N, C-alpha and C. Protein backbone atom coordinates (compact mmCIF):
# COMPACT_ATOMS: atom_id res chain seq x y z
N UNK A 1 50.13 35.53 35.55
CA UNK A 1 50.10 35.17 34.22
C UNK A 1 51.43 35.72 33.73
N UNK A 2 52.21 35.01 32.92
CA UNK A 2 53.42 35.60 32.06
C UNK A 2 52.83 36.52 31.00
N UNK A 3 53.71 37.66 31.05
CA UNK A 3 53.43 38.50 29.91
C UNK A 3 54.76 38.92 29.29
N UNK A 4 54.98 38.56 27.85
CA UNK A 4 56.32 38.86 27.45
C UNK A 4 56.31 40.48 27.33
N UNK A 5 55.56 41.14 26.90
CA UNK A 5 55.76 42.61 27.09
C UNK A 5 56.03 43.20 28.39
N UNK A 6 55.31 42.39 29.59
CA UNK A 6 55.74 43.18 30.86
C UNK A 6 57.13 42.62 31.07
N UNK A 7 57.48 41.50 30.75
CA UNK A 7 59.07 40.90 30.98
C UNK A 7 59.88 41.93 30.38
N UNK A 8 59.79 42.30 29.13
CA UNK A 8 60.52 43.23 28.31
C UNK A 8 60.76 44.55 29.12
N UNK A 9 59.42 45.13 29.57
CA UNK A 9 59.26 46.49 30.17
C UNK A 9 60.14 46.37 31.42
N UNK A 10 60.02 45.11 32.31
CA UNK A 10 60.90 45.20 33.29
C UNK A 10 62.25 45.09 33.24
N UNK A 11 62.69 44.60 32.10
CA UNK A 11 64.05 44.40 31.72
C UNK A 11 64.68 45.75 31.26
N UNK A 12 63.91 46.64 30.62
CA UNK A 12 64.31 47.96 30.37
C UNK A 12 64.38 48.82 31.56
N UNK A 13 63.39 48.49 32.37
CA UNK A 13 63.62 49.37 33.63
C UNK A 13 64.89 49.01 34.45
N UNK A 14 65.10 47.62 34.56
CA UNK A 14 66.44 47.40 35.11
C UNK A 14 67.69 47.85 34.43
N UNK A 15 67.63 47.55 33.21
CA UNK A 15 68.88 48.37 32.30
C UNK A 15 68.96 49.59 32.56
N UNK A 16 67.91 50.41 32.71
CA UNK A 16 68.05 51.88 32.90
C UNK A 16 68.84 52.13 34.33
N UNK A 17 68.73 51.26 35.22
CA UNK A 17 69.34 51.52 36.53
C UNK A 17 70.53 50.82 36.51
N UNK A 18 70.94 49.51 36.07
CA UNK A 18 72.19 48.93 35.90
C UNK A 18 72.41 48.70 34.37
N UNK A 19 72.97 49.71 33.56
CA UNK A 19 73.36 49.43 32.32
C UNK A 19 74.48 48.49 32.07
N UNK A 20 75.39 48.23 32.92
CA UNK A 20 76.53 47.21 33.00
C UNK A 20 76.03 45.82 33.42
N UNK A 21 74.98 45.51 33.71
CA UNK A 21 74.21 44.22 33.99
C UNK A 21 74.35 43.02 32.94
N UNK A 22 75.42 42.50 32.78
CA UNK A 22 75.35 41.39 31.60
C UNK A 22 74.22 40.57 31.66
N UNK A 23 73.76 40.09 32.62
CA UNK A 23 72.51 38.94 32.85
C UNK A 23 71.11 39.75 32.39
N UNK A 24 71.11 40.98 32.69
CA UNK A 24 69.94 41.70 32.26
C UNK A 24 69.90 41.94 30.61
N UNK A 25 71.00 42.16 30.22
CA UNK A 25 71.34 42.45 28.75
C UNK A 25 71.03 40.99 27.99
N UNK A 26 71.37 40.07 28.50
CA UNK A 26 71.40 38.69 27.86
C UNK A 26 69.69 38.38 27.78
N UNK A 27 69.22 38.57 28.78
CA UNK A 27 67.69 38.15 28.81
C UNK A 27 66.92 39.17 27.89
N UNK A 28 67.23 40.59 28.02
CA UNK A 28 66.71 41.40 27.10
C UNK A 28 66.84 41.24 25.64
N UNK A 29 68.12 40.52 25.43
CA UNK A 29 68.54 40.27 23.86
C UNK A 29 67.59 39.15 23.54
N UNK A 30 67.21 38.12 24.39
CA UNK A 30 66.70 36.95 24.14
C UNK A 30 65.26 37.26 23.86
N UNK A 31 64.59 37.96 24.70
CA UNK A 31 63.15 38.28 24.57
C UNK A 31 62.95 39.57 23.14
N UNK A 32 63.84 40.22 23.04
CA UNK A 32 63.86 41.31 22.01
C UNK A 32 64.19 40.79 20.60
N UNK A 33 64.79 39.85 20.62
CA UNK A 33 65.44 39.34 19.34
C UNK A 33 64.12 38.68 18.34
N UNK A 34 63.09 38.31 19.15
CA UNK A 34 61.78 37.79 18.47
C UNK A 34 61.17 38.65 17.34
N UNK A 35 61.16 39.97 17.89
CA UNK A 35 60.19 40.95 17.10
C UNK A 35 61.35 41.88 16.48
N UNK A 36 62.42 41.93 16.36
CA UNK A 36 63.31 42.98 15.62
C UNK A 36 63.82 42.62 14.54
N UNK A 37 64.09 43.75 13.73
CA UNK A 37 64.63 43.24 12.32
C UNK A 37 66.22 43.08 12.80
N UNK A 38 67.01 42.64 11.72
CA UNK A 38 68.27 42.22 11.92
C UNK A 38 69.36 43.59 12.03
N UNK A 39 68.71 44.70 11.62
CA UNK A 39 69.63 45.71 11.91
C UNK A 39 69.30 46.36 13.17
N UNK A 40 68.01 46.45 13.48
CA UNK A 40 67.69 46.70 15.04
C UNK A 40 68.35 45.97 16.06
N UNK A 41 68.49 44.48 15.75
CA UNK A 41 69.00 43.62 16.71
C UNK A 41 70.48 44.00 16.73
N UNK A 42 71.17 44.00 15.79
CA UNK A 42 72.58 44.34 15.53
C UNK A 42 72.92 45.62 16.37
N UNK A 43 72.10 46.83 16.24
CA UNK A 43 72.32 47.81 17.06
C UNK A 43 72.22 47.68 18.50
N UNK A 44 71.33 46.82 18.82
CA UNK A 44 70.92 46.28 20.31
C UNK A 44 72.20 45.72 20.73
N UNK A 45 72.81 44.79 20.06
CA UNK A 45 73.79 43.93 20.56
C UNK A 45 75.00 44.76 20.82
N UNK A 46 75.28 45.65 19.78
CA UNK A 46 76.35 46.72 20.01
C UNK A 46 76.17 47.51 21.23
N UNK A 47 75.12 47.83 21.59
CA UNK A 47 74.76 48.57 22.78
C UNK A 47 75.13 47.97 23.96
N UNK A 48 74.68 46.42 23.89
CA UNK A 48 74.75 45.82 25.13
C UNK A 48 76.24 45.33 25.28
N UNK A 49 77.11 45.10 24.35
CA UNK A 49 78.56 44.67 24.39
C UNK A 49 79.32 46.06 24.80
N UNK A 50 78.93 47.18 24.32
CA UNK A 50 79.53 48.35 24.96
C UNK A 50 79.33 48.53 26.32
N UNK A 51 77.99 48.49 26.81
CA UNK A 51 77.78 48.64 28.07
C UNK A 51 78.30 47.58 29.17
N UNK A 52 78.08 46.51 28.77
CA UNK A 52 78.42 45.33 29.74
C UNK A 52 79.35 44.33 29.09
N UNK A 53 80.51 44.60 29.30
CA UNK A 53 81.53 43.46 28.51
C UNK A 53 81.46 42.30 29.36
N UNK A 54 81.18 41.27 28.80
CA UNK A 54 81.18 39.97 29.55
C UNK A 54 81.14 38.99 28.45
N UNK A 55 81.88 37.84 28.86
CA UNK A 55 81.84 36.68 27.90
C UNK A 55 80.31 35.93 27.69
N UNK A 56 79.53 36.10 28.77
CA UNK A 56 78.21 35.57 28.71
C UNK A 56 77.38 36.28 27.83
N UNK A 57 77.66 37.56 27.84
CA UNK A 57 76.78 38.49 26.71
C UNK A 57 77.37 38.16 25.33
N UNK A 58 78.70 37.98 25.27
CA UNK A 58 79.18 37.72 23.86
C UNK A 58 78.72 36.38 23.24
N UNK A 59 78.44 35.56 24.24
CA UNK A 59 77.95 34.00 23.52
C UNK A 59 76.41 34.23 23.29
N UNK A 60 75.88 35.13 23.95
CA UNK A 60 74.34 35.34 23.75
C UNK A 60 74.31 35.90 22.41
N UNK A 61 75.16 37.12 22.07
CA UNK A 61 74.94 37.75 21.07
C UNK A 61 75.44 36.93 19.76
N UNK A 62 76.27 35.90 19.89
CA UNK A 62 76.69 35.12 19.08
C UNK A 62 75.74 33.99 18.24
N UNK A 63 74.68 33.89 19.16
CA UNK A 63 73.84 32.78 18.89
C UNK A 63 72.96 33.02 17.67
């Protein structure tokens, strides 16, 4: 059974191991954006772009 909370926890664990993985950041941003304030999301996007410089990530952040 799918659990959004478990998916986010798995993504966090993956990002702890691979901070520069743009695909993980994109997925994490997609899942996290649903329950974050604009300020929290902006900080997360900045961290993602700093750690994983990727055009895929840039377009995910721009959505």
